[in-house]
N, C-alpha and C. Protein backbone atom coordinates (compact mmCIF):
# COMPACT_ATOMS: atom_id res chain seq x y z
N MET A 1 6.94 19.05 -5.93
CA MET A 1 6.89 17.19 -5.56
C MET A 1 6.81 16.89 -4.54
N GLY A 2 5.80 15.76 -4.11
CA GLY A 2 5.62 15.10 -2.92
C GLY A 2 6.73 14.07 -2.88
N ASN A 3 6.51 13.20 -1.73
CA ASN A 3 7.66 12.55 -1.30
C ASN A 3 6.98 11.34 -0.85
N ALA A 4 7.32 10.07 -2.04
CA ALA A 4 6.45 8.93 -2.12
C ALA A 4 7.34 7.44 -1.32
N ILE A 5 6.54 6.83 -0.37
CA ILE A 5 7.16 5.74 0.27
C ILE A 5 7.78 4.56 -0.49
N ASP A 6 8.61 4.05 -0.50
CA ASP A 6 9.14 3.40 -1.96
C ASP A 6 10.12 2.11 -0.81
N TYR A 7 10.26 2.31 0.38
CA TYR A 7 10.93 1.40 1.35
C TYR A 7 10.11 1.59 2.70
N VAL A 8 10.53 -0.33 3.02
CA VAL A 8 9.80 -0.73 4.25
C VAL A 8 10.66 -1.22 4.86
N GLU A 9 11.17 -1.04 5.91
CA GLU A 9 12.07 -1.66 7.18
C GLU A 9 11.21 -2.41 8.30
N LEU A 10 11.73 -3.60 8.14
CA LEU A 10 11.23 -4.42 9.37
C LEU A 10 12.73 -4.78 11.36
N ALA A 11 11.93 -4.11 11.65
CA ALA A 11 12.39 -4.30 12.97
C ALA A 11 12.38 -6.00 13.28
N VAL A 12 13.41 -6.51 13.43
CA VAL A 12 13.69 -7.56 13.84
C VAL A 12 14.60 -8.54 15.33
N ASP A 13 14.19 -9.52 16.00
CA ASP A 13 14.99 -9.85 16.78
C ASP A 13 16.50 -10.56 16.45
N ASP A 14 16.32 -11.11 15.76
CA ASP A 14 17.11 -11.95 15.51
C ASP A 14 17.30 -11.99 13.78
N LEU A 15 18.54 -11.19 13.18
CA LEU A 15 18.69 -11.31 11.27
C LEU A 15 18.76 -11.98 11.12
N GLU A 16 19.60 -13.40 11.37
CA GLU A 16 19.68 -14.57 10.50
C GLU A 16 18.13 -15.25 10.56
N GLN A 17 17.75 -15.12 11.52
CA GLN A 17 16.26 -16.14 11.37
C GLN A 17 15.21 -15.50 10.54
N ALA A 18 15.60 -14.21 10.80
CA ALA A 18 14.39 -13.39 9.60
C ALA A 18 14.38 -13.96 8.57
N LYS A 19 16.00 -13.44 8.28
CA LYS A 19 16.11 -13.95 6.36
C LYS A 19 15.73 -15.11 6.78
N ALA A 20 15.93 -16.30 7.40
CA ALA A 20 15.77 -17.79 6.31
C ALA A 20 14.31 -17.67 6.70
N PHE A 21 13.37 -17.20 7.50
CA PHE A 21 12.01 -17.35 7.25
C PHE A 21 11.30 -16.74 6.41
N TYR A 22 11.97 -15.21 5.74
CA TYR A 22 11.50 -14.44 4.58
C TYR A 22 11.55 -15.04 3.47
N ALA A 23 12.90 -15.64 3.22
CA ALA A 23 13.58 -16.26 2.06
C ALA A 23 12.55 -17.64 1.96
N LYS A 24 12.47 -18.60 2.91
CA LYS A 24 11.62 -19.68 3.04
C LYS A 24 9.86 -19.23 2.80
N ALA A 25 9.39 -18.33 3.19
CA ALA A 25 7.97 -17.82 3.10
C ALA A 25 7.54 -16.97 2.31
N LEU A 26 8.45 -15.74 1.65
CA LEU A 26 7.98 -15.02 0.61
C LEU A 26 9.42 -15.35 -0.61
N GLY A 27 10.26 -15.96 -0.77
CA GLY A 27 11.38 -16.38 -1.59
C GLY A 27 12.13 -15.19 -1.97
N TRP A 28 12.17 -14.01 -0.76
CA TRP A 28 12.98 -12.68 -0.41
C TRP A 28 14.63 -13.23 -0.54
N VAL A 29 15.33 -12.46 -1.30
CA VAL A 29 16.52 -12.81 -1.37
C VAL A 29 17.34 -11.10 -0.75
N PHE A 30 18.74 -11.30 -0.38
CA PHE A 30 18.55 -10.06 0.65
C PHE A 30 20.35 -9.62 0.08
N ASN A 31 20.41 -8.38 0.61
CA ASN A 31 22.20 -7.81 0.73
C ASN A 31 22.36 -7.71 1.62
N ASP A 32 23.81 -8.23 2.56
CA ASP A 32 23.89 -8.45 3.61
C ASP A 32 24.85 -7.11 3.81
N TYR A 33 24.87 -6.59 4.64
CA TYR A 33 25.61 -5.29 5.11
C TYR A 33 26.20 -5.85 6.83
N GLY A 34 27.38 -6.73 6.05
CA GLY A 34 27.85 -7.06 8.14
C GLY A 34 27.23 -7.85 9.08
N GLY A 35 25.94 -8.21 8.64
CA GLY A 35 25.38 -8.66 10.00
C GLY A 35 24.98 -7.42 10.86
N GLU A 36 24.89 -6.28 10.32
CA GLU A 36 24.11 -4.96 10.82
C GLU A 36 22.88 -4.87 10.62
N TYR A 37 22.40 -5.58 8.74
CA TYR A 37 21.45 -5.01 8.00
C TYR A 37 21.19 -5.97 7.20
N ALA A 38 20.08 -6.46 6.57
CA ALA A 38 19.80 -7.22 5.31
C ALA A 38 18.91 -6.25 4.71
N GLY A 39 19.25 -5.84 3.07
CA GLY A 39 18.36 -5.09 2.20
C GLY A 39 17.54 -6.46 1.88
N ILE A 40 16.57 -5.91 1.24
CA ILE A 40 15.80 -7.09 0.53
C ILE A 40 15.17 -6.35 -0.86
N LYS A 41 16.10 -7.26 -1.55
CA LYS A 41 16.18 -7.21 -3.30
C LYS A 41 14.73 -7.15 -4.03
N ASP A 42 14.66 -6.29 -4.84
CA ASP A 42 13.49 -6.23 -5.63
C ASP A 42 13.55 -7.92 -6.79
N PRO A 43 12.72 -8.50 -6.20
CA PRO A 43 12.84 -9.56 -7.58
C PRO A 43 12.56 -9.34 -9.15
N ALA A 44 11.77 -8.21 -9.35
CA ALA A 44 11.91 -7.30 -10.80
C ALA A 44 13.49 -6.74 -11.09
N LYS A 45 14.05 -5.90 -10.05
CA LYS A 45 15.25 -5.24 -10.17
C LYS A 45 16.00 -5.68 -9.44
N PRO A 46 16.74 -7.02 -9.62
CA PRO A 46 17.68 -7.45 -8.21
C PRO A 46 19.04 -6.27 -7.93
N ASP A 47 19.01 -5.11 -8.88
CA ASP A 47 20.14 -4.37 -8.08
C ASP A 47 19.52 -3.46 -7.33
N VAL A 48 18.59 -3.01 -7.00
CA VAL A 48 17.26 -2.90 -6.26
C VAL A 48 16.69 -3.07 -5.46
N GLU A 49 16.63 -2.27 -3.66
CA GLU A 49 16.15 -2.99 -2.67
C GLU A 49 14.86 -1.76 -2.29
N PHE A 50 13.76 -3.00 -1.54
CA PHE A 50 12.52 -2.42 -1.74
C PHE A 50 12.09 -2.13 -0.09
N GLY A 51 13.50 -2.72 0.48
CA GLY A 51 13.14 -3.32 1.88
C GLY A 51 14.22 -3.51 2.83
N GLY A 52 14.51 -3.50 3.73
CA GLY A 52 15.48 -4.06 4.89
C GLY A 52 14.68 -4.65 6.08
N LEU A 53 15.95 -5.73 6.42
CA LEU A 53 15.80 -6.03 8.30
C LEU A 53 16.61 -5.60 8.99
N ASN A 54 15.97 -4.65 10.01
CA ASN A 54 16.93 -4.41 10.64
C ASN A 54 16.92 -4.81 12.14
N PRO A 55 18.05 -5.18 12.86
CA PRO A 55 18.05 -6.22 13.95
C PRO A 55 18.14 -5.06 15.30
N ILE A 56 16.70 -4.70 15.50
CA ILE A 56 16.72 -4.00 16.96
C ILE A 56 15.52 -4.03 17.50
N ALA A 57 15.34 -3.83 18.66
CA ALA A 57 14.10 -4.10 19.12
C ALA A 57 12.81 -3.27 19.11
N ALA A 58 11.63 -4.04 18.38
CA ALA A 58 10.71 -3.06 17.66
C ALA A 58 10.67 -1.90 18.56
N GLY A 59 9.97 -2.28 19.83
CA GLY A 59 9.97 -1.50 20.37
C GLY A 59 10.64 0.09 20.91
N ALA A 60 12.28 0.07 20.01
CA ALA A 60 12.58 1.24 19.85
C ALA A 60 11.80 1.88 18.69
N ARG A 61 11.10 1.64 17.73
CA ARG A 61 10.85 1.97 17.03
C ARG A 61 9.02 2.15 16.28
N GLY A 62 8.13 2.03 17.08
CA GLY A 62 7.14 1.80 17.14
C GLY A 62 6.61 0.36 17.08
N ASP A 63 5.83 -0.16 16.18
CA ASP A 63 5.34 -1.43 16.43
C ASP A 63 6.12 -2.67 15.51
N GLY A 64 7.12 -2.25 14.52
CA GLY A 64 8.09 -3.00 13.94
C GLY A 64 8.66 -2.49 12.45
N VAL A 65 7.57 -1.95 12.03
CA VAL A 65 7.67 -1.67 10.47
C VAL A 65 7.89 -0.28 10.75
N LEU A 66 8.88 0.46 9.78
CA LEU A 66 8.94 1.28 9.32
C LEU A 66 9.18 1.61 7.99
N ALA A 67 8.16 2.86 7.36
CA ALA A 67 8.27 3.06 6.38
C ALA A 67 8.21 4.50 5.84
N LEU A 68 9.37 4.67 4.71
CA LEU A 68 10.67 5.07 4.69
C LEU A 68 10.09 5.80 3.39
N ALA A 69 9.53 7.39 3.85
CA ALA A 69 9.69 8.28 1.83
C ALA A 69 11.24 8.66 1.51
N ARG A 70 10.58 8.23 0.15
CA ARG A 70 12.29 8.63 -0.59
C ARG A 70 12.43 10.10 -1.11
N ALA A 71 12.91 11.44 -0.15
CA ALA A 71 13.03 12.59 -0.91
C ALA A 71 14.14 12.98 -1.70
N GLU A 72 14.13 14.02 -2.59
CA GLU A 72 15.44 14.79 -3.30
C GLU A 72 15.85 15.92 -2.60
N ASP A 73 14.85 16.21 -1.12
CA ASP A 73 15.92 17.33 -0.44
C ASP A 73 15.44 16.46 1.06
N VAL A 74 16.33 15.94 1.87
CA VAL A 74 15.89 15.47 3.26
C VAL A 74 15.82 16.73 4.19
N ASP A 75 16.68 17.60 3.91
CA ASP A 75 17.17 18.68 4.77
C ASP A 75 15.50 19.69 4.86
N GLY A 76 14.75 19.78 3.22
CA GLY A 76 13.65 20.52 3.34
C GLY A 76 12.76 19.23 4.46
N ALA A 77 12.51 18.18 3.95
CA ALA A 77 11.81 17.24 4.06
C ALA A 77 12.12 17.66 5.94
N ARG A 78 13.21 17.47 6.47
CA ARG A 78 13.19 17.36 8.11
C ARG A 78 12.33 18.96 8.66
N VAL A 79 12.46 19.76 7.58
CA VAL A 79 11.87 21.11 8.18
C VAL A 79 10.26 21.01 8.65
N SER A 80 9.65 20.64 6.97
CA SER A 80 8.43 20.83 7.34
C SER A 80 7.95 19.71 7.71
N VAL A 81 8.43 18.58 8.15
CA VAL A 81 8.15 17.63 9.22
C VAL A 81 8.05 18.25 10.49
N ALA A 82 8.69 19.16 10.86
CA ALA A 82 8.80 19.42 12.21
C ALA A 82 7.83 20.79 12.04
N GLU A 83 7.71 21.34 10.81
CA GLU A 83 6.72 22.86 10.93
C GLU A 83 5.34 21.80 11.01
N ALA A 84 5.15 21.01 10.20
CA ALA A 84 3.77 20.41 10.42
C ALA A 84 3.29 19.70 11.66
N GLY A 85 4.13 19.58 12.43
CA GLY A 85 3.56 19.01 13.92
C GLY A 85 4.30 17.79 14.22
N GLY A 86 5.20 17.19 13.28
CA GLY A 86 5.90 16.04 13.64
C GLY A 86 7.03 15.89 14.45
N ARG A 87 6.78 15.14 15.36
CA ARG A 87 8.23 14.85 16.95
C ARG A 87 9.45 14.34 15.79
N ILE A 88 10.75 14.84 15.86
CA ILE A 88 11.80 14.12 15.30
C ILE A 88 12.09 12.68 16.33
N VAL A 89 12.68 11.68 16.32
CA VAL A 89 12.68 10.91 16.85
C VAL A 89 13.78 10.34 16.37
N VAL A 90 14.50 10.66 15.46
CA VAL A 90 15.89 10.48 15.21
C VAL A 90 16.17 11.39 14.08
N GLU A 91 17.22 11.98 14.69
CA GLU A 91 17.69 13.06 13.91
C GLU A 91 18.08 13.14 12.66
N LEU A 92 18.32 13.65 11.82
CA LEU A 92 19.09 13.30 10.31
C LEU A 92 20.40 13.05 10.56
N HIS A 93 21.04 11.81 9.76
CA HIS A 93 22.28 11.19 9.94
C HIS A 93 22.59 10.47 8.79
N GLU A 94 23.66 10.21 8.22
CA GLU A 94 24.37 9.17 7.41
C GLU A 94 24.26 8.40 7.71
N TYR A 95 23.93 7.22 6.49
CA TYR A 95 23.89 5.83 6.83
C TYR A 95 24.58 5.42 5.54
N PRO A 96 25.17 4.43 5.25
CA PRO A 96 25.56 3.55 3.98
C PRO A 96 24.99 4.12 2.44
N GLY A 97 23.91 4.32 2.84
CA GLY A 97 22.89 4.36 1.52
C GLY A 97 22.47 5.68 1.39
N GLY A 98 22.78 6.88 2.30
CA GLY A 98 22.33 8.43 2.05
C GLY A 98 22.53 8.79 3.71
N ARG A 99 21.25 9.57 3.93
CA ARG A 99 20.97 10.53 4.78
C ARG A 99 19.77 10.39 5.13
N ARG A 100 18.98 10.38 6.65
CA ARG A 100 17.70 9.96 6.83
C ARG A 100 17.25 10.75 8.02
N PHE A 101 15.98 10.83 8.33
CA PHE A 101 15.99 10.74 10.22
C PHE A 101 14.39 10.25 9.95
N THR A 102 13.98 10.25 11.39
CA THR A 102 12.61 9.13 11.53
C THR A 102 11.73 9.93 12.66
N PHE A 103 10.57 10.00 12.34
CA PHE A 103 9.68 10.88 13.36
C PHE A 103 8.03 10.39 13.44
N ALA A 104 7.81 11.10 14.67
CA ALA A 104 6.65 10.71 14.60
C ALA A 104 5.69 11.63 14.43
N ASP A 105 4.67 10.75 13.56
CA ASP A 105 2.91 11.89 13.22
C ASP A 105 2.90 12.61 14.46
N PRO A 106 1.58 13.02 14.49
CA PRO A 106 0.67 13.38 15.30
C PRO A 106 -0.32 12.67 16.12
N PHE A 107 0.14 11.47 15.39
CA PHE A 107 -1.30 10.50 15.64
C PHE A 107 -0.31 8.98 16.17
N GLY A 108 1.39 9.00 16.61
CA GLY A 108 2.08 8.25 17.01
C GLY A 108 2.65 7.29 15.86
N ASN A 109 2.18 7.56 14.86
CA ASN A 109 2.87 6.49 13.63
C ASN A 109 4.39 7.10 13.40
N ILE A 110 5.15 6.04 13.53
CA ILE A 110 6.53 6.10 12.90
C ILE A 110 6.90 6.05 11.72
N LEU A 111 7.46 7.23 11.11
CA LEU A 111 7.90 7.22 9.83
C LEU A 111 9.35 7.82 9.61
N GLY A 112 10.35 7.10 8.34
CA GLY A 112 11.36 7.71 7.94
C GLY A 112 11.63 8.59 6.59
N VAL A 113 12.20 9.59 6.50
CA VAL A 113 12.16 10.15 5.35
C VAL A 113 13.70 10.20 4.90
N TYR A 114 14.23 9.61 3.91
CA TYR A 114 15.54 9.57 2.86
C TYR A 114 15.53 9.98 2.01
N GLN A 115 17.27 10.69 1.97
CA GLN A 115 17.69 10.99 0.69
C GLN A 115 19.12 10.08 0.04
N PRO A 116 18.82 9.41 -1.00
CA PRO A 116 20.12 8.18 -1.22
C PRO A 116 21.28 8.89 -1.24
N ALA A 117 22.34 8.56 -1.36
CA ALA A 117 23.38 9.07 -1.71
C ALA A 117 23.79 8.59 -3.52
N GLU A 118 24.33 9.72 -3.61
CA GLU A 118 24.15 10.34 -5.07
C GLU A 118 25.45 9.52 -5.88
């Protein structure tokens, strides 16, 4: 089975300013993770996040948008990406929601693959 993109992360300079903007502009509501991250709640399913705001410099991750594919086997996905010619940008690591890595495709696009915590 393939891995579908189901989460989009935006790099922002100022987390509070970004939350205020997106709340006003698009009506988004957030899960706060200690001022270090804000998950964007799905309006149809408030217990589910469809994206997040990450307060890091955009240059650290392409142009500031990171599409994330959900995987059932993130270790296997990492091997497949590397074998296909992808360049691992951020190694596989744990985070509060599971495990993930970030890679550049042969064209320079930056994507991530994650496996949620069970």
